[in-house]
Protein backbone atom coordinates (compact mmCIF):
# COMPACT_ATOMS: atom_id res chain seq x y z
CA MET A 1 -8.63 47.18 -29.52
CA SER A 2 -5.20 46.05 -30.70
CA TYR A 3 -1.96 46.85 -28.87
CA LYS A 4 0.12 49.11 -31.16
CA LEU A 5 3.81 48.22 -30.89
CA GLY A 6 6.36 50.45 -32.60
CA LEU A 7 9.56 48.85 -33.88
CA THR A 8 12.58 51.03 -34.56
CA GLY A 9 16.36 51.08 -34.54
CA SER A 10 19.26 52.83 -36.21
CA ILE A 11 20.69 51.76 -39.56
CA GLY A 12 22.35 48.32 -39.53
CA MET A 13 20.81 47.30 -36.20
CA GLY A 14 18.68 44.50 -37.66
CA LYS A 15 15.24 46.11 -37.74
CA SER A 16 14.06 44.48 -40.99
CA THR A 17 15.17 41.05 -39.78
CA THR A 18 13.41 41.61 -36.45
CA ALA A 19 10.23 42.81 -38.21
CA ALA A 20 10.27 39.51 -40.12
CA MET A 21 10.47 37.65 -36.79
CA PHE A 22 7.30 39.40 -35.59
CA ARG A 23 5.65 38.45 -38.92
CA ASP A 24 6.81 34.85 -38.49
CA ALA A 25 5.16 34.89 -35.04
CA GLY A 26 1.85 35.66 -36.79
CA LEU A 27 1.64 39.39 -36.12
CA PRO A 28 0.71 41.92 -38.81
CA VAL A 29 3.52 44.40 -39.52
CA TRP A 30 3.03 47.80 -41.14
CA ASP A 31 6.27 48.99 -42.78
CA ALA A 32 6.68 52.78 -43.12
CA ASP A 33 9.34 52.46 -45.85
CA ALA A 34 7.15 50.08 -47.85
CA ALA A 35 4.25 52.55 -47.52
CA VAL A 36 6.43 55.32 -49.01
CA HIS A 37 7.47 52.98 -51.84
CA ARG A 38 3.77 52.34 -52.62
CA LEU A 39 3.06 56.09 -52.61
CA TYR A 40 6.02 56.74 -54.95
CA ALA A 41 5.23 53.88 -57.36
CA VAL A 42 3.37 54.25 -60.66
CA GLY A 43 -0.19 55.24 -59.74
CA GLY A 44 0.86 55.96 -56.14
CA ALA A 45 -0.94 58.73 -54.28
CA ALA A 46 2.20 60.90 -53.94
CA VAL A 47 3.06 60.97 -57.67
CA ALA A 48 0.54 63.61 -58.82
CA PRO A 49 1.07 66.15 -55.99
CA LEU A 50 4.87 65.80 -56.24
CA ALA A 51 4.70 66.16 -60.05
CA LYS A 52 3.17 69.64 -59.56
CA LEU A 53 5.97 70.79 -57.24
CA TYR A 54 8.96 68.84 -58.56
CA PRO A 55 8.20 67.58 -62.09
CA MET A 56 11.87 66.67 -62.56
CA ALA A 57 11.52 64.05 -59.79
CA ILE A 58 8.93 62.05 -61.77
CA VAL A 59 10.56 59.52 -64.10
CA ASP A 60 8.50 56.97 -66.07
CA GLY A 61 5.41 57.75 -63.99
CA LEU A 62 7.01 57.20 -60.59
CA VAL A 63 8.91 59.27 -58.05
CA ASP A 64 12.66 58.95 -58.47
CA ARG A 65 14.07 59.00 -54.93
CA SER A 66 17.61 59.78 -56.10
CA VAL A 67 16.34 62.99 -57.77
CA LEU A 68 14.45 63.92 -54.57
CA LYS A 69 17.60 63.30 -52.53
CA ARG A 70 19.58 65.63 -54.83
CA LEU A 71 16.91 68.32 -54.54
CA ILE A 72 16.91 68.03 -50.73
CA ASP A 73 20.73 68.19 -50.63
CA GLN A 74 20.60 71.41 -52.69
CA ASP A 75 17.75 73.00 -50.69
CA ARG A 76 16.63 71.79 -47.23
CA SER A 77 13.21 73.47 -47.65
CA VAL A 78 12.39 70.78 -50.22
CA LEU A 79 12.27 68.28 -47.35
CA THR A 80 9.61 70.32 -45.53
CA SER A 81 7.45 70.56 -48.68
CA LEU A 82 7.93 66.85 -49.30
CA GLU A 83 6.92 65.95 -45.73
CA GLN A 84 3.77 68.11 -45.96
CA ILE A 85 2.66 66.01 -48.94
CA VAL A 86 3.92 62.57 -47.92
CA HIS A 87 3.23 62.44 -44.15
CA PRO A 88 -0.60 62.69 -44.42
CA LEU A 89 -0.56 60.04 -47.19
CA VAL A 90 1.58 57.72 -45.03
CA ALA A 91 -0.81 58.28 -42.09
CA ALA A 92 -3.76 57.38 -44.33
CA ASP A 93 -1.98 54.22 -45.51
CA ARG A 94 -1.31 53.26 -41.88
CA ALA A 95 -4.93 53.93 -40.84
CA ALA A 96 -6.22 51.74 -43.69
CA PHE A 97 -3.86 48.96 -42.57
CA VAL A 98 -5.05 49.20 -38.95
CA ASP A 99 -8.70 49.06 -40.05
CA GLU A 100 -8.06 45.70 -41.75
CA GLN A 101 -6.46 44.06 -38.68
CA THR A 102 -8.04 41.80 -36.08
CA ALA A 103 -4.83 40.72 -34.29
CA ASP A 104 -4.30 41.52 -30.60
CA ILE A 105 -0.91 43.12 -31.39
CA ILE A 106 -0.04 45.18 -34.47
CA VAL A 107 3.61 46.05 -35.17
CA PHE A 108 4.62 49.33 -36.82
CA ASP A 109 8.10 49.25 -38.41
CA ILE A 110 9.13 52.93 -38.40
CA PRO A 111 12.81 53.87 -38.94
CA LEU A 112 12.52 57.44 -37.56
CA LEU A 113 9.94 56.59 -34.90
CA PHE A 114 11.15 58.86 -32.07
CA GLU A 115 12.40 61.52 -34.49
CA THR A 116 8.89 61.93 -35.96
CA GLY A 117 7.04 61.70 -32.62
CA ALA A 118 5.27 58.46 -33.56
CA ASP A 119 5.73 57.17 -29.99
CA ALA A 120 2.86 59.52 -29.01
CA TRP A 121 0.18 57.28 -30.63
CA LEU A 122 1.80 53.91 -29.92
CA ASP A 123 1.14 51.73 -26.85
CA GLY A 124 4.79 50.67 -26.62
CA VAL A 125 8.11 50.81 -28.49
CA ALA A 126 10.66 48.07 -29.13
CA VAL A 127 14.15 49.20 -30.13
CA VAL A 128 16.52 46.86 -31.95
CA SER A 129 20.13 47.37 -30.97
CA ALA A 130 23.65 46.02 -31.44
CA PRO A 131 27.13 47.31 -30.56
CA GLN A 132 28.33 50.14 -32.82
CA SER A 133 31.17 47.98 -34.20
CA VAL A 134 28.61 45.37 -35.33
CA GLN A 135 26.40 48.10 -36.81
CA THR A 136 29.34 49.49 -38.81
CA GLU A 137 30.40 46.03 -39.99
CA ARG A 138 26.83 45.18 -41.15
CA VAL A 139 26.35 48.43 -43.05
CA MET A 140 29.79 48.41 -44.68
CA SER A 141 29.43 44.76 -45.74
CA ARG A 142 26.41 45.74 -47.88
CA GLY A 143 28.78 47.68 -50.14
CA THR A 144 26.18 50.40 -50.75
CA MET A 145 27.73 53.30 -48.84
CA THR A 146 30.97 54.81 -47.64
CA ALA A 147 32.02 55.23 -44.00
CA GLU A 148 31.40 58.98 -44.45
CA GLN A 149 27.81 58.38 -45.64
CA LEU A 150 27.20 56.11 -42.65
CA GLU A 151 28.43 58.84 -40.29
CA THR A 152 26.09 61.35 -41.96
CA ILE A 153 23.14 59.00 -41.44
CA ARG A 154 24.17 58.38 -37.82
CA SER A 155 24.33 62.13 -37.20
CA ARG A 156 20.72 62.51 -38.41
CA GLN A 157 19.38 59.64 -36.30
CA MET A 158 18.76 59.75 -32.57
CA PRO A 159 21.71 58.02 -30.80
CA ASP A 160 21.20 54.33 -30.04
CA ALA A 161 21.69 54.89 -26.29
CA GLU A 162 18.87 57.45 -26.25
CA LYS A 163 16.56 55.14 -28.20
CA ARG A 164 17.28 52.32 -25.75
CA ALA A 165 16.57 54.63 -22.81
CA ARG A 166 13.20 55.66 -24.27
CA ALA A 167 12.15 52.14 -25.32
CA ASP A 168 9.68 49.89 -23.51
CA PHE A 169 11.51 46.85 -24.91
CA VAL A 170 15.09 46.45 -26.19
CA ILE A 171 15.83 43.63 -28.65
CA ASP A 172 19.53 42.84 -28.87
CA THR A 173 20.27 41.61 -32.42
CA LEU A 174 23.82 40.38 -31.86
CA THR A 175 22.60 36.83 -32.63
CA MET A 176 19.54 35.66 -34.57
CA ASP A 177 18.55 33.16 -31.86
CA GLY A 178 18.84 35.78 -29.14
CA ALA A 179 16.75 38.28 -31.11
CA ARG A 180 14.09 35.65 -31.89
CA ALA A 181 13.86 34.65 -28.21
CA THR A 182 13.49 38.29 -27.18
CA VAL A 183 10.77 38.85 -29.80
CA GLN A 184 8.82 35.94 -28.26
CA GLN A 185 9.33 37.39 -24.76
CA VAL A 186 8.07 40.81 -25.91
CA ILE A 187 4.94 39.24 -27.43
CA GLU A 188 4.29 37.17 -24.29
CA GLN A 189 4.82 40.19 -22.01
CA ILE A 190 2.38 42.32 -24.03
CA ARG A 191 -0.22 39.53 -24.11
CA LYS A 192 0.11 39.07 -20.34
CA GLY A 193 -0.45 42.79 -19.91
CA LEU A 194 -3.52 42.66 -22.17
CA ALA A 195 -4.91 39.69 -20.23
CA ASP A 196 -4.36 41.48 -16.90
CA ALA A 197 -5.94 44.72 -18.08
């Protein structure tokens, strides 16, 4: 039985980079965002059911996320309908991934981990964190959103302090070396726990 470690963190905290560090350490990582991308791609399992409800969101045989975002902005009930279709498909994708694994630790990269209650089925949660000023600097340097859009995203995500308080492990991503060292410590701590069990 593998140890299921959730990995989460607010926007700009370094979650993707940290997920790569777990991969580099030889652990399999399931990525929730990548799963949604697969479901929305041409031939993806979410395309046909979404085409029935929101045909305007299907462009060239795939789900256009920008159209979905517009629909959700116009009517919040769209999000509920969307989740009823997508969440079971994401869960099935995750279950298939788990079935293929033989590693002692499996990492689950889930942006809205606490917000969706995923911590209920995980054995532990690691939260990536950095000071808010660093978070803002990282996000703004991407050039993909305004300060106002960042604030909107922050308002929808659980505050960093609360995530840290609920986490089993906190990975500070202020420096790459520091984050990498903490990732190794987390792996060692979990393996020690497994050995002692």
